[in-house]
Amino acid sequence: MKKLNLGGPPGPNLGDAMILSLDVFQNGRKIGVGDGTFTTTRVTGSGPNSVVESQGIFTLRLPDGQLSIQFIQLRDDEQVLPVAVTGGSGVFRGAGGDGTITKGNNSGVVKLHLQFA
């Protein structure tokens, strides 16, 4: 994970980004990797009372193709994030759908419901 702070006053600022690389597991077995970013899109308030909204865009690379997902995190403490499946390649070509990310300590659980055109 790498954080990019574009400057400005102390604390979160519009455009700050966090870049992530992750491993993808299914039933305890590694099946792929993922890469993505969180970009700060809105900051309301200041200091410890500020509320930060971020956009997340991730691509999951799996053995037979890739899946792209995106979402908005409305608060830093939001534990379950609704996500949209925005596309895919390989066997996931034409994929759409939705799902959730449940955040944990340095990990998360992604559940996706796929639909194909």
N, C-alpha and C. Protein backbone atom coordinates (compact mmCIF):
# COMPACT_ATOMS: atom_id res chain seq x y z
N MET A 1 0.85 -1.16 0.00
CA MET A 1 0.00 0.00 0.00
C MET A 1 0.90 1.23 0.00
N LYS A 2 0.54 2.20 -0.81
CA LYS A 2 1.27 3.47 -0.87
C LYS A 2 0.26 4.60 -0.82
N LYS A 3 0.56 5.61 -0.03
CA LYS A 3 -0.32 6.78 0.06
C LYS A 3 0.32 7.95 -0.68
N LEU A 4 -0.50 8.69 -1.40
CA LEU A 4 -0.07 9.87 -2.13
C LEU A 4 -0.84 11.06 -1.59
N ASN A 5 -0.13 12.01 -0.98
CA ASN A 5 -0.76 13.22 -0.45
C ASN A 5 -0.37 14.37 -1.35
N LEU A 6 -1.35 15.04 -1.93
CA LEU A 6 -1.09 16.12 -2.88
C LEU A 6 -0.81 17.46 -2.22
N GLY A 7 -0.64 17.47 -0.92
CA GLY A 7 -0.34 18.72 -0.23
C GLY A 7 -1.60 19.35 0.32
N GLY A 8 -1.48 20.60 0.70
CA GLY A 8 -2.62 21.28 1.30
C GLY A 8 -2.49 21.25 2.81
N PRO A 9 -3.55 21.65 3.50
CA PRO A 9 -3.50 21.67 4.96
C PRO A 9 -3.37 20.26 5.51
N PRO A 10 -2.92 20.13 6.78
CA PRO A 10 -2.82 18.80 7.38
C PRO A 10 -4.16 18.07 7.33
N GLY A 11 -4.10 16.76 7.18
CA GLY A 11 -5.31 15.95 7.13
C GLY A 11 -5.67 15.60 5.70
N PRO A 12 -6.80 14.94 5.52
CA PRO A 12 -7.20 14.52 4.17
C PRO A 12 -7.55 15.71 3.28
N ASN A 13 -7.17 15.60 2.01
CA ASN A 13 -7.44 16.64 1.03
C ASN A 13 -7.96 16.01 -0.26
N LEU A 14 -8.74 16.77 -0.99
CA LEU A 14 -9.26 16.34 -2.28
C LEU A 14 -8.12 15.87 -3.18
N GLY A 15 -8.26 14.68 -3.76
CA GLY A 15 -7.25 14.14 -4.67
C GLY A 15 -6.22 13.24 -4.02
N ASP A 16 -6.15 13.20 -2.68
CA ASP A 16 -5.23 12.26 -2.03
C ASP A 16 -5.60 10.85 -2.48
N ALA A 17 -4.59 9.99 -2.59
CA ALA A 17 -4.85 8.64 -3.09
C ALA A 17 -4.12 7.60 -2.25
N MET A 18 -4.68 6.40 -2.23
CA MET A 18 -4.05 5.24 -1.64
C MET A 18 -4.04 4.16 -2.72
N ILE A 19 -2.87 3.63 -3.01
CA ILE A 19 -2.71 2.63 -4.06
C ILE A 19 -2.48 1.28 -3.38
N LEU A 20 -3.25 0.27 -3.79
CA LEU A 20 -3.21 -1.03 -3.13
C LEU A 20 -2.92 -2.16 -4.11
N SER A 21 -2.18 -3.16 -3.63
CA SER A 21 -2.04 -4.44 -4.31
C SER A 21 -2.50 -5.49 -3.32
N LEU A 22 -3.20 -6.51 -3.80
CA LEU A 22 -3.76 -7.50 -2.89
C LEU A 22 -3.78 -8.87 -3.53
N ASP A 23 -3.87 -9.88 -2.68
CA ASP A 23 -4.05 -11.25 -3.13
C ASP A 23 -5.53 -11.60 -3.05
N VAL A 24 -6.00 -12.42 -3.99
CA VAL A 24 -7.40 -12.84 -4.04
C VAL A 24 -7.46 -14.32 -3.67
N PHE A 25 -8.30 -14.63 -2.68
CA PHE A 25 -8.44 -16.00 -2.19
C PHE A 25 -9.88 -16.48 -2.37
N GLN A 26 -10.03 -17.77 -2.60
CA GLN A 26 -11.34 -18.41 -2.60
C GLN A 26 -11.21 -19.69 -1.80
N ASN A 27 -12.01 -19.83 -0.75
CA ASN A 27 -11.96 -20.99 0.13
C ASN A 27 -10.55 -21.25 0.66
N GLY A 28 -9.84 -20.17 1.02
CA GLY A 28 -8.52 -20.28 1.60
C GLY A 28 -7.38 -20.50 0.62
N ARG A 29 -7.67 -20.58 -0.67
CA ARG A 29 -6.65 -20.83 -1.69
C ARG A 29 -6.48 -19.58 -2.56
N LYS A 30 -5.23 -19.16 -2.76
CA LYS A 30 -4.97 -17.99 -3.59
C LYS A 30 -5.31 -18.31 -5.04
N ILE A 31 -6.18 -17.44 -5.63
CA ILE A 31 -6.60 -17.67 -7.02
C ILE A 31 -6.25 -16.51 -7.94
N GLY A 32 -5.69 -15.44 -7.40
CA GLY A 32 -5.34 -14.30 -8.24
C GLY A 32 -4.83 -13.14 -7.43
N VAL A 33 -4.71 -12.01 -8.11
CA VAL A 33 -4.25 -10.78 -7.47
C VAL A 33 -5.15 -9.64 -7.89
N GLY A 34 -5.04 -8.54 -7.18
CA GLY A 34 -5.82 -7.35 -7.53
C GLY A 34 -5.01 -6.09 -7.31
N ASP A 35 -5.37 -5.07 -8.03
CA ASP A 35 -4.73 -3.76 -7.90
C ASP A 35 -5.82 -2.71 -7.92
N GLY A 36 -5.62 -1.64 -7.16
CA GLY A 36 -6.64 -0.60 -7.17
C GLY A 36 -6.21 0.65 -6.46
N THR A 37 -7.11 1.63 -6.51
CA THR A 37 -6.87 2.92 -5.86
C THR A 37 -8.11 3.38 -5.11
N PHE A 38 -7.87 4.09 -4.02
CA PHE A 38 -8.88 4.91 -3.35
C PHE A 38 -8.46 6.35 -3.59
N THR A 39 -9.34 7.18 -4.10
CA THR A 39 -9.04 8.60 -4.31
C THR A 39 -10.04 9.43 -3.52
N THR A 40 -9.55 10.35 -2.71
CA THR A 40 -10.42 11.23 -1.93
C THR A 40 -11.17 12.15 -2.88
N THR A 41 -12.50 12.08 -2.83
CA THR A 41 -13.34 12.86 -3.74
C THR A 41 -14.12 13.97 -3.04
N ARG A 42 -14.20 13.91 -1.72
CA ARG A 42 -14.95 14.93 -0.98
C ARG A 42 -14.46 14.93 0.47
N VAL A 43 -14.23 16.12 1.01
CA VAL A 43 -13.88 16.28 2.42
C VAL A 43 -14.83 17.33 3.00
N THR A 44 -15.58 16.93 4.02
CA THR A 44 -16.51 17.84 4.69
C THR A 44 -16.02 18.07 6.11
N GLY A 45 -15.94 19.31 6.54
CA GLY A 45 -15.44 19.61 7.87
C GLY A 45 -13.92 19.65 7.87
N SER A 46 -13.35 19.75 9.08
CA SER A 46 -11.90 19.80 9.18
C SER A 46 -11.46 19.15 10.48
N GLY A 47 -10.17 18.84 10.54
CA GLY A 47 -9.60 18.24 11.73
C GLY A 47 -10.18 16.87 12.01
N PRO A 48 -10.25 16.49 13.30
CA PRO A 48 -10.73 15.15 13.65
C PRO A 48 -12.21 14.93 13.33
N ASN A 49 -12.96 16.00 13.08
CA ASN A 49 -14.38 15.86 12.76
C ASN A 49 -14.65 15.82 11.26
N SER A 50 -13.60 15.78 10.44
CA SER A 50 -13.81 15.76 8.99
C SER A 50 -14.40 14.43 8.55
N VAL A 51 -15.21 14.48 7.51
CA VAL A 51 -15.79 13.29 6.89
C VAL A 51 -15.19 13.19 5.50
N VAL A 52 -14.63 12.02 5.18
CA VAL A 52 -13.93 11.82 3.92
C VAL A 52 -14.69 10.82 3.07
N GLU A 53 -14.98 11.19 1.82
CA GLU A 53 -15.55 10.27 0.84
C GLU A 53 -14.46 9.92 -0.16
N SER A 54 -14.41 8.65 -0.56
CA SER A 54 -13.40 8.19 -1.50
C SER A 54 -14.04 7.32 -2.57
N GLN A 55 -13.46 7.36 -3.77
CA GLN A 55 -13.87 6.46 -4.84
C GLN A 55 -12.84 5.34 -4.93
N GLY A 56 -13.31 4.11 -4.99
CA GLY A 56 -12.44 2.96 -5.16
C GLY A 56 -12.63 2.33 -6.53
N ILE A 57 -11.53 2.04 -7.19
CA ILE A 57 -11.55 1.35 -8.49
C ILE A 57 -10.53 0.22 -8.41
N PHE A 58 -10.98 -1.02 -8.63
CA PHE A 58 -10.11 -2.18 -8.51
C PHE A 58 -10.27 -3.10 -9.71
N THR A 59 -9.19 -3.76 -10.08
CA THR A 59 -9.22 -4.82 -11.08
C THR A 59 -8.69 -6.08 -10.42
N LEU A 60 -9.47 -7.15 -10.50
CA LEU A 60 -9.07 -8.46 -9.98
C LEU A 60 -8.59 -9.30 -11.14
N ARG A 61 -7.34 -9.79 -11.06
CA ARG A 61 -6.78 -10.65 -12.11
C ARG A 61 -6.90 -12.10 -11.65
N LEU A 62 -7.71 -12.86 -12.36
CA LEU A 62 -8.01 -14.24 -12.02
C LEU A 62 -7.50 -15.15 -13.14
N PRO A 63 -7.44 -16.47 -12.92
CA PRO A 63 -6.83 -17.35 -13.92
C PRO A 63 -7.43 -17.24 -15.33
N ASP A 64 -8.73 -17.03 -15.44
CA ASP A 64 -9.38 -17.04 -16.76
C ASP A 64 -9.85 -15.67 -17.23
N GLY A 65 -9.39 -14.60 -16.57
CA GLY A 65 -9.78 -13.26 -16.99
C GLY A 65 -9.69 -12.27 -15.85
N GLN A 66 -10.21 -11.09 -16.11
CA GLN A 66 -10.19 -10.01 -15.13
C GLN A 66 -11.60 -9.50 -14.85
N LEU A 67 -11.78 -8.98 -13.63
CA LEU A 67 -13.03 -8.32 -13.24
C LEU A 67 -12.71 -6.93 -12.74
N SER A 68 -13.50 -5.95 -13.15
CA SER A 68 -13.35 -4.58 -12.67
C SER A 68 -14.52 -4.23 -11.76
N ILE A 69 -14.21 -3.62 -10.62
CA ILE A 69 -15.25 -3.18 -9.69
C ILE A 69 -14.97 -1.74 -9.28
N GLN A 70 -16.03 -1.03 -8.92
CA GLN A 70 -15.84 0.31 -8.37
C GLN A 70 -16.93 0.61 -7.35
N PHE A 71 -16.63 1.61 -6.49
CA PHE A 71 -17.53 1.92 -5.39
C PHE A 71 -17.17 3.27 -4.80
N ILE A 72 -18.06 3.79 -3.99
CA ILE A 72 -17.82 5.01 -3.21
C ILE A 72 -17.85 4.62 -1.73
N GLN A 73 -16.80 5.01 -1.01
CA GLN A 73 -16.78 4.85 0.44
C GLN A 73 -17.20 6.18 1.03
N LEU A 74 -18.34 6.20 1.72
CA LEU A 74 -18.91 7.45 2.22
C LEU A 74 -18.28 7.93 3.52
N ARG A 75 -17.72 7.02 4.30
CA ARG A 75 -17.07 7.39 5.56
C ARG A 75 -15.91 6.44 5.79
N ASP A 76 -14.87 6.92 6.48
CA ASP A 76 -13.72 6.06 6.79
C ASP A 76 -14.12 4.85 7.62
N ASP A 77 -15.12 5.00 8.50
CA ASP A 77 -15.50 3.91 9.39
C ASP A 77 -16.55 2.98 8.80
N GLU A 78 -16.91 3.18 7.55
CA GLU A 78 -17.90 2.33 6.89
C GLU A 78 -17.31 0.92 6.73
N GLN A 79 -17.97 -0.09 7.28
CA GLN A 79 -17.42 -1.45 7.30
C GLN A 79 -17.88 -2.31 6.12
N VAL A 80 -19.08 -2.06 5.60
CA VAL A 80 -19.58 -2.82 4.45
C VAL A 80 -19.84 -1.84 3.32
N LEU A 81 -19.16 -2.06 2.20
CA LEU A 81 -19.26 -1.15 1.06
C LEU A 81 -20.00 -1.84 -0.08
N PRO A 82 -21.06 -1.23 -0.62
CA PRO A 82 -21.68 -1.78 -1.83
C PRO A 82 -20.79 -1.49 -3.03
N VAL A 83 -20.64 -2.47 -3.92
CA VAL A 83 -19.79 -2.31 -5.10
C VAL A 83 -20.56 -2.64 -6.37
N ALA A 84 -20.09 -2.08 -7.48
CA ALA A 84 -20.64 -2.40 -8.80
C ALA A 84 -19.57 -3.14 -9.59
N VAL A 85 -19.97 -4.21 -10.26
CA VAL A 85 -19.09 -4.89 -11.21
C VAL A 85 -19.27 -4.16 -12.53
N THR A 86 -18.19 -3.55 -13.02
CA THR A 86 -18.30 -2.67 -14.18
C THR A 86 -17.76 -3.27 -15.47
N GLY A 87 -17.24 -4.49 -15.41
CA GLY A 87 -16.77 -5.12 -16.64
C GLY A 87 -15.84 -6.27 -16.36
N GLY A 88 -15.43 -6.90 -17.44
CA GLY A 88 -14.53 -8.03 -17.31
C GLY A 88 -13.91 -8.40 -18.64
N SER A 89 -12.96 -9.33 -18.57
CA SER A 89 -12.32 -9.86 -19.77
C SER A 89 -12.21 -11.37 -19.64
N GLY A 90 -11.83 -12.03 -20.73
CA GLY A 90 -11.74 -13.48 -20.71
C GLY A 90 -13.11 -14.08 -20.45
N VAL A 91 -13.19 -15.06 -19.55
CA VAL A 91 -14.48 -15.68 -19.25
C VAL A 91 -15.44 -14.71 -18.59
N PHE A 92 -14.93 -13.57 -18.13
CA PHE A 92 -15.77 -12.56 -17.49
C PHE A 92 -16.21 -11.47 -18.46
N ARG A 93 -15.94 -11.66 -19.75
CA ARG A 93 -16.34 -10.67 -20.76
C ARG A 93 -17.85 -10.43 -20.69
N GLY A 94 -18.24 -9.16 -20.67
CA GLY A 94 -19.65 -8.81 -20.59
C GLY A 94 -20.22 -8.87 -19.18
N ALA A 95 -19.34 -9.06 -18.18
CA ALA A 95 -19.82 -9.18 -16.80
C ALA A 95 -20.32 -7.84 -16.27
N GLY A 96 -21.34 -7.92 -15.47
CA GLY A 96 -21.86 -6.80 -14.70
C GLY A 96 -22.35 -7.38 -13.39
N GLY A 97 -22.93 -6.57 -12.57
CA GLY A 97 -23.48 -7.07 -11.32
C GLY A 97 -23.15 -6.15 -10.17
N ASP A 98 -23.27 -6.72 -8.97
CA ASP A 98 -23.00 -5.94 -7.78
C ASP A 98 -22.47 -6.86 -6.69
N GLY A 99 -22.23 -6.29 -5.53
CA GLY A 99 -21.72 -7.08 -4.42
C GLY A 99 -21.38 -6.19 -3.25
N THR A 100 -20.57 -6.73 -2.35
CA THR A 100 -20.14 -6.00 -1.16
C THR A 100 -18.68 -6.28 -0.87
N ILE A 101 -18.05 -5.33 -0.20
CA ILE A 101 -16.74 -5.53 0.42
C ILE A 101 -16.96 -5.32 1.91
N THR A 102 -16.61 -6.32 2.71
CA THR A 102 -16.67 -6.20 4.16
C THR A 102 -15.24 -6.03 4.65
N LYS A 103 -14.95 -4.88 5.24
CA LYS A 103 -13.59 -4.56 5.66
C LYS A 103 -13.27 -5.24 6.98
N GLY A 104 -12.01 -5.72 7.09
CA GLY A 104 -11.49 -6.28 8.32
C GLY A 104 -10.16 -5.63 8.65
N ASN A 105 -9.43 -6.20 9.59
CA ASN A 105 -8.10 -5.69 9.94
C ASN A 105 -7.11 -6.14 8.89
N ASN A 106 -6.67 -5.22 8.04
CA ASN A 106 -5.72 -5.50 6.97
C ASN A 106 -6.20 -6.56 6.00
N SER A 107 -7.50 -6.74 5.89
CA SER A 107 -8.07 -7.70 4.94
C SER A 107 -9.51 -7.29 4.66
N GLY A 108 -10.13 -8.00 3.77
CA GLY A 108 -11.52 -7.75 3.46
C GLY A 108 -12.12 -8.95 2.76
N VAL A 109 -13.43 -9.04 2.77
CA VAL A 109 -14.14 -10.11 2.09
C VAL A 109 -14.98 -9.47 0.99
N VAL A 110 -14.76 -9.92 -0.24
CA VAL A 110 -15.50 -9.42 -1.39
C VAL A 110 -16.48 -10.50 -1.82
N LYS A 111 -17.75 -10.15 -1.92
CA LYS A 111 -18.78 -11.06 -2.43
C LYS A 111 -19.39 -10.40 -3.65
N LEU A 112 -19.34 -11.08 -4.80
CA LEU A 112 -19.85 -10.52 -6.05
C LEU A 112 -20.97 -11.38 -6.60
N HIS A 113 -21.98 -10.73 -7.16
CA HIS A 113 -23.07 -11.40 -7.86
C HIS A 113 -22.95 -10.99 -9.32
N LEU A 114 -22.52 -11.94 -10.16
CA LEU A 114 -22.23 -11.62 -11.55
C LEU A 114 -23.43 -11.88 -12.44
N GLN A 115 -23.58 -11.01 -13.45
CA GLN A 115 -24.57 -11.19 -14.50
C GLN A 115 -23.84 -10.99 -15.82
N PHE A 116 -24.24 -11.75 -16.84
CA PHE A 116 -23.59 -11.64 -18.14
C PHE A 116 -24.59 -11.21 -19.20
N ALA A 117 -24.13 -10.29 -20.06
CA ALA A 117 -25.00 -9.77 -21.13
C ALA A 117 -25.23 -10.84 -22.18
